[in-house]
């Protein structure tokens, strides 16, 4: 599978989503893009290695949300709002990714 297209999709969606809630400066966008490239590639490579099942994808996506939130909390400061924004960004990008690329659909 080509990992570039899902990664670009994520990098297009999540920084835009977070940007709508104030994370718009160059530093914030750079951090968000870097974190998303790393987590997206790790997620897709891991799914390719261990197999794609609903439960595996869900568990790994939960780990992605946690990892991204920890990275953002370190960069921007902890907070409930940031956690829910991270969760929302991932639900949005994962949902669109499932519609476009999922073997489950």
N, C-alpha and C. Protein backbone atom coordinates (compact mmCIF):
# COMPACT_ATOMS: atom_id res chain seq x y z
N UNK A 1 0.84 -1.19 0.00
CA UNK A 1 0.00 0.00 0.00
C UNK A 1 0.88 1.24 0.00
N UNK A 2 0.42 2.24 -0.66
CA UNK A 2 1.10 3.52 -0.68
C UNK A 2 0.78 4.27 0.61
N UNK A 3 1.78 4.61 1.39
CA UNK A 3 1.56 5.29 2.66
C UNK A 3 1.57 6.80 2.52
N UNK A 4 1.98 7.30 1.37
CA UNK A 4 2.07 8.74 1.18
C UNK A 4 0.70 9.40 1.14
N UNK A 5 -0.24 8.82 0.44
CA UNK A 5 -1.56 9.44 0.29
C UNK A 5 -2.31 9.53 1.62
N UNK A 6 -2.41 8.43 2.40
CA UNK A 6 -3.06 8.57 3.71
C UNK A 6 -2.34 9.57 4.63
N UNK A 7 -1.03 9.61 4.55
CA UNK A 7 -0.27 10.55 5.37
C UNK A 7 -0.57 11.99 4.96
N UNK A 8 -0.59 12.24 3.66
CA UNK A 8 -0.91 13.58 3.18
C UNK A 8 -2.33 13.99 3.54
N UNK A 9 -3.23 13.04 3.50
CA UNK A 9 -4.62 13.32 3.90
C UNK A 9 -4.67 13.74 5.37
N UNK A 10 -3.99 12.99 6.21
CA UNK A 10 -3.95 13.32 7.64
C UNK A 10 -3.30 14.68 7.87
N UNK A 11 -2.21 14.93 7.18
CA UNK A 11 -1.50 16.20 7.33
C UNK A 11 -2.32 17.36 6.78
N UNK A 12 -3.22 17.09 5.88
CA UNK A 12 -4.12 18.13 5.40
C UNK A 12 -5.28 18.40 6.34
N UNK A 13 -5.79 17.35 6.95
CA UNK A 13 -6.99 17.48 7.78
C UNK A 13 -6.69 17.95 9.20
N UNK A 14 -5.80 17.28 9.88
CA UNK A 14 -5.62 17.55 11.31
C UNK A 14 -5.05 18.94 11.61
N UNK A 15 -4.03 19.41 10.90
CA UNK A 15 -3.59 20.79 11.17
C UNK A 15 -4.68 21.83 10.84
N UNK A 16 -5.46 21.57 9.80
CA UNK A 16 -6.55 22.50 9.47
C UNK A 16 -7.60 22.51 10.57
N UNK A 17 -7.94 21.33 11.08
CA UNK A 17 -8.91 21.23 12.16
C UNK A 17 -8.41 21.97 13.40
N UNK A 18 -7.19 21.69 13.81
CA UNK A 18 -6.63 22.34 14.99
C UNK A 18 -6.43 23.84 14.75
N UNK A 19 -6.14 24.21 13.51
CA UNK A 19 -6.01 25.62 13.17
C UNK A 19 -7.30 26.39 13.36
N UNK A 20 -8.42 25.73 13.15
CA UNK A 20 -9.72 26.37 13.38
C UNK A 20 -9.94 26.73 14.84
N UNK A 21 -9.17 26.13 15.72
CA UNK A 21 -9.31 26.37 17.15
C UNK A 21 -8.10 27.10 17.75
N UNK A 22 -7.36 27.79 16.89
CA UNK A 22 -6.32 28.68 17.38
C UNK A 22 -4.88 28.23 17.19
N UNK A 23 -4.67 27.02 16.76
CA UNK A 23 -3.29 26.53 16.57
C UNK A 23 -2.87 26.82 15.13
N UNK A 24 -2.60 28.12 14.87
CA UNK A 24 -2.39 28.57 13.49
C UNK A 24 -1.00 29.11 13.21
N UNK A 25 -0.24 29.44 14.25
CA UNK A 25 1.06 30.04 13.97
C UNK A 25 2.02 28.99 13.39
N UNK A 26 3.08 29.47 12.80
CA UNK A 26 4.02 28.61 12.09
C UNK A 26 4.57 27.50 12.99
N UNK A 27 4.89 27.83 14.22
CA UNK A 27 5.43 26.86 15.16
C UNK A 27 4.41 25.75 15.44
N UNK A 28 3.17 26.15 15.72
CA UNK A 28 2.13 25.16 16.02
C UNK A 28 1.87 24.25 14.83
N UNK A 29 1.76 24.83 13.65
CA UNK A 29 1.50 24.03 12.45
C UNK A 29 2.66 23.08 12.19
N UNK A 30 3.89 23.54 12.38
CA UNK A 30 5.06 22.68 12.17
C UNK A 30 5.05 21.49 13.12
N UNK A 31 4.73 21.75 14.38
CA UNK A 31 4.67 20.66 15.37
C UNK A 31 3.56 19.68 15.02
N UNK A 32 2.40 20.19 14.69
CA UNK A 32 1.26 19.34 14.36
C UNK A 32 1.56 18.47 13.15
N UNK A 33 2.14 19.07 12.12
CA UNK A 33 2.48 18.31 10.91
C UNK A 33 3.50 17.23 11.23
N UNK A 34 4.56 17.57 11.95
CA UNK A 34 5.60 16.60 12.28
C UNK A 34 5.03 15.44 13.10
N UNK A 35 4.25 15.75 14.11
CA UNK A 35 3.66 14.71 14.95
C UNK A 35 2.75 13.82 14.12
N UNK A 36 1.96 14.41 13.23
CA UNK A 36 1.05 13.62 12.41
C UNK A 36 1.76 12.74 11.39
N UNK A 37 2.82 13.22 10.81
CA UNK A 37 3.60 12.38 9.89
C UNK A 37 4.13 11.16 10.63
N UNK A 38 4.70 11.39 11.79
CA UNK A 38 5.27 10.27 12.57
C UNK A 38 4.19 9.28 12.98
N UNK A 39 3.10 9.77 13.58
CA UNK A 39 2.07 8.84 14.07
C UNK A 39 1.34 8.14 12.93
N UNK A 40 1.09 8.85 11.83
CA UNK A 40 0.39 8.23 10.72
C UNK A 40 1.22 7.12 10.09
N UNK A 41 2.49 7.40 9.85
CA UNK A 41 3.34 6.37 9.25
C UNK A 41 3.52 5.18 10.18
N UNK A 42 3.72 5.43 11.47
CA UNK A 42 3.85 4.32 12.42
C UNK A 42 2.57 3.50 12.49
N UNK A 43 1.43 4.16 12.50
CA UNK A 43 0.15 3.46 12.53
C UNK A 43 -0.02 2.57 11.31
N UNK A 44 0.19 3.13 10.13
CA UNK A 44 -0.02 2.35 8.91
C UNK A 44 1.00 1.24 8.73
N UNK A 45 2.24 1.48 9.10
CA UNK A 45 3.25 0.42 9.03
C UNK A 45 2.93 -0.70 10.02
N UNK A 46 2.50 -0.34 11.23
CA UNK A 46 2.16 -1.34 12.23
C UNK A 46 0.96 -2.17 11.77
N UNK A 47 -0.05 -1.52 11.23
CA UNK A 47 -1.22 -2.26 10.72
C UNK A 47 -0.82 -3.19 9.57
N UNK A 48 0.10 -2.75 8.74
CA UNK A 48 0.56 -3.61 7.63
C UNK A 48 1.31 -4.82 8.16
N UNK A 49 2.06 -4.64 9.24
CA UNK A 49 2.86 -5.75 9.79
C UNK A 49 2.03 -6.75 10.59
N UNK A 50 1.09 -6.24 11.39
CA UNK A 50 0.36 -7.16 12.27
C UNK A 50 -1.03 -7.52 11.75
N UNK A 51 -1.47 -6.87 10.71
CA UNK A 51 -2.77 -7.19 10.13
C UNK A 51 -3.83 -6.19 10.54
N UNK A 52 -4.73 -5.97 9.62
CA UNK A 52 -5.79 -4.98 9.84
C UNK A 52 -7.05 -5.67 10.31
N UNK A 53 -7.39 -5.44 11.55
CA UNK A 53 -8.69 -5.84 12.08
C UNK A 53 -9.29 -4.61 12.73
N UNK A 54 -10.58 -4.62 12.93
CA UNK A 54 -11.24 -3.48 13.56
C UNK A 54 -10.64 -3.20 14.94
N UNK A 55 -10.46 -4.24 15.71
CA UNK A 55 -9.98 -4.04 17.08
C UNK A 55 -8.53 -3.54 17.09
N UNK A 56 -7.71 -4.06 16.22
CA UNK A 56 -6.33 -3.61 16.13
C UNK A 56 -6.27 -2.14 15.71
N UNK A 57 -7.06 -1.80 14.70
CA UNK A 57 -7.08 -0.42 14.22
C UNK A 57 -7.58 0.52 15.31
N UNK A 58 -8.61 0.11 16.03
CA UNK A 58 -9.16 0.95 17.09
C UNK A 58 -8.16 1.14 18.23
N UNK A 59 -7.53 0.06 18.65
CA UNK A 59 -6.54 0.16 19.73
C UNK A 59 -5.35 1.02 19.32
N UNK A 60 -4.87 0.83 18.10
CA UNK A 60 -3.73 1.63 17.64
C UNK A 60 -4.13 3.09 17.47
N UNK A 61 -5.34 3.34 17.02
CA UNK A 61 -5.79 4.73 16.89
C UNK A 61 -5.89 5.40 18.25
N UNK A 62 -6.29 4.65 19.27
CA UNK A 62 -6.31 5.20 20.64
C UNK A 62 -4.89 5.55 21.10
N UNK A 63 -3.94 4.72 20.75
CA UNK A 63 -2.54 5.02 21.07
C UNK A 63 -2.06 6.26 20.33
N UNK A 64 -2.50 6.42 19.09
CA UNK A 64 -2.14 7.61 18.32
C UNK A 64 -2.68 8.87 18.99
N UNK A 65 -3.95 8.82 19.40
CA UNK A 65 -4.54 9.98 20.09
C UNK A 65 -3.74 10.31 21.34
N UNK A 66 -3.40 9.30 22.11
CA UNK A 66 -2.62 9.52 23.34
C UNK A 66 -1.25 10.10 23.03
N UNK A 67 -0.57 9.54 22.04
CA UNK A 67 0.77 10.02 21.69
C UNK A 67 0.72 11.46 21.17
N UNK A 68 -0.26 11.74 20.32
CA UNK A 68 -0.37 13.10 19.79
C UNK A 68 -0.70 14.09 20.91
N UNK A 69 -1.62 13.71 21.78
CA UNK A 69 -1.96 14.61 22.88
C UNK A 69 -0.73 14.88 23.75
N UNK A 70 0.02 13.85 24.06
CA UNK A 70 1.23 14.05 24.89
C UNK A 70 2.22 14.98 24.21
N UNK A 71 2.39 14.82 22.91
CA UNK A 71 3.31 15.70 22.18
C UNK A 71 2.78 17.14 22.17
N UNK A 72 1.48 17.29 21.92
CA UNK A 72 0.90 18.64 21.90
C UNK A 72 0.90 19.27 23.29
N UNK A 73 0.63 18.46 24.30
CA UNK A 73 0.62 18.98 25.68
C UNK A 73 2.01 19.48 26.06
N UNK A 74 3.03 18.76 25.62
CA UNK A 74 4.41 19.20 25.89
C UNK A 74 4.69 20.52 25.17
N UNK A 75 4.21 20.63 23.94
CA UNK A 75 4.50 21.83 23.14
C UNK A 75 3.62 23.02 23.50
N UNK A 76 2.34 22.77 23.79
CA UNK A 76 1.38 23.86 23.96
C UNK A 76 0.82 24.00 25.36
N UNK A 77 1.07 23.03 26.21
CA UNK A 77 0.50 23.04 27.55
C UNK A 77 -0.68 22.09 27.64
N UNK A 78 -0.76 21.42 28.77
CA UNK A 78 -1.82 20.43 28.97
C UNK A 78 -3.17 21.11 29.08
N UNK A 79 -4.21 20.33 28.75
CA UNK A 79 -5.55 20.86 28.95
C UNK A 79 -6.60 19.94 28.37
N UNK A 80 -7.77 20.00 28.98
CA UNK A 80 -8.90 19.19 28.54
C UNK A 80 -9.31 19.56 27.12
N UNK A 81 -9.32 20.86 26.82
CA UNK A 81 -9.69 21.31 25.48
C UNK A 81 -8.74 20.72 24.44
N UNK A 82 -7.44 20.76 24.72
CA UNK A 82 -6.46 20.22 23.77
C UNK A 82 -6.66 18.73 23.57
N UNK A 83 -6.98 18.00 24.63
CA UNK A 83 -7.23 16.57 24.48
C UNK A 83 -8.41 16.32 23.55
N UNK A 84 -9.51 17.03 23.78
CA UNK A 84 -10.69 16.82 22.95
C UNK A 84 -10.48 17.30 21.52
N UNK A 85 -9.68 18.34 21.33
CA UNK A 85 -9.34 18.75 19.97
C UNK A 85 -8.49 17.68 19.27
N UNK A 86 -7.56 17.10 20.00
CA UNK A 86 -6.74 16.02 19.44
C UNK A 86 -7.62 14.83 19.08
N UNK A 87 -8.52 14.47 19.97
CA UNK A 87 -9.45 13.37 19.70
C UNK A 87 -10.32 13.68 18.49
N UNK A 88 -10.87 14.89 18.45
CA UNK A 88 -11.72 15.28 17.33
C UNK A 88 -10.99 15.27 16.00
N UNK A 89 -9.76 15.77 15.99
CA UNK A 89 -8.97 15.78 14.76
C UNK A 89 -8.72 14.36 14.27
N UNK A 90 -8.46 13.46 15.20
CA UNK A 90 -8.20 12.07 14.82
C UNK A 90 -9.46 11.34 14.38
N UNK A 91 -10.57 11.61 15.02
CA UNK A 91 -11.83 11.00 14.59
C UNK A 91 -12.16 11.46 13.17
N UNK A 92 -11.98 12.74 12.91
CA UNK A 92 -12.24 13.28 11.58
C UNK A 92 -11.33 12.65 10.53
N UNK A 93 -10.03 12.67 10.76
CA UNK A 93 -9.11 12.14 9.74
C UNK A 93 -9.24 10.63 9.61
N UNK A 94 -9.46 9.93 10.71
CA UNK A 94 -9.64 8.48 10.65
C UNK A 94 -10.93 8.14 9.91
N UNK A 95 -11.98 8.86 10.19
CA UNK A 95 -13.26 8.62 9.52
C UNK A 95 -13.16 8.83 8.02
N UNK A 96 -12.54 9.91 7.62
CA UNK A 96 -12.36 10.16 6.19
C UNK A 96 -11.44 9.10 5.58
N UNK A 97 -10.38 8.74 6.31
CA UNK A 97 -9.49 7.68 5.83
C UNK A 97 -10.21 6.34 5.67
N UNK A 98 -11.09 6.01 6.61
CA UNK A 98 -11.86 4.77 6.51
C UNK A 98 -12.75 4.78 5.27
N UNK A 99 -13.39 5.90 5.05
CA UNK A 99 -14.27 6.00 3.88
C UNK A 99 -13.47 5.83 2.57
N UNK A 100 -12.29 6.44 2.52
CA UNK A 100 -11.51 6.41 1.29
C UNK A 100 -10.67 5.16 1.10
N UNK A 101 -10.12 4.61 2.18
CA UNK A 101 -9.10 3.58 2.04
C UNK A 101 -9.40 2.25 2.72
N UNK A 102 -10.43 2.18 3.50
CA UNK A 102 -10.61 1.01 4.37
C UNK A 102 -10.95 -0.26 3.63
N UNK A 103 -10.30 -1.35 4.05
CA UNK A 103 -10.71 -2.65 3.55
C UNK A 103 -12.00 -3.11 4.22
N UNK A 104 -12.43 -2.39 5.27
CA UNK A 104 -13.62 -2.77 6.01
C UNK A 104 -14.89 -2.27 5.35
N UNK A 105 -14.77 -1.21 4.52
CA UNK A 105 -15.97 -0.63 3.88
C UNK A 105 -16.34 -1.38 2.62
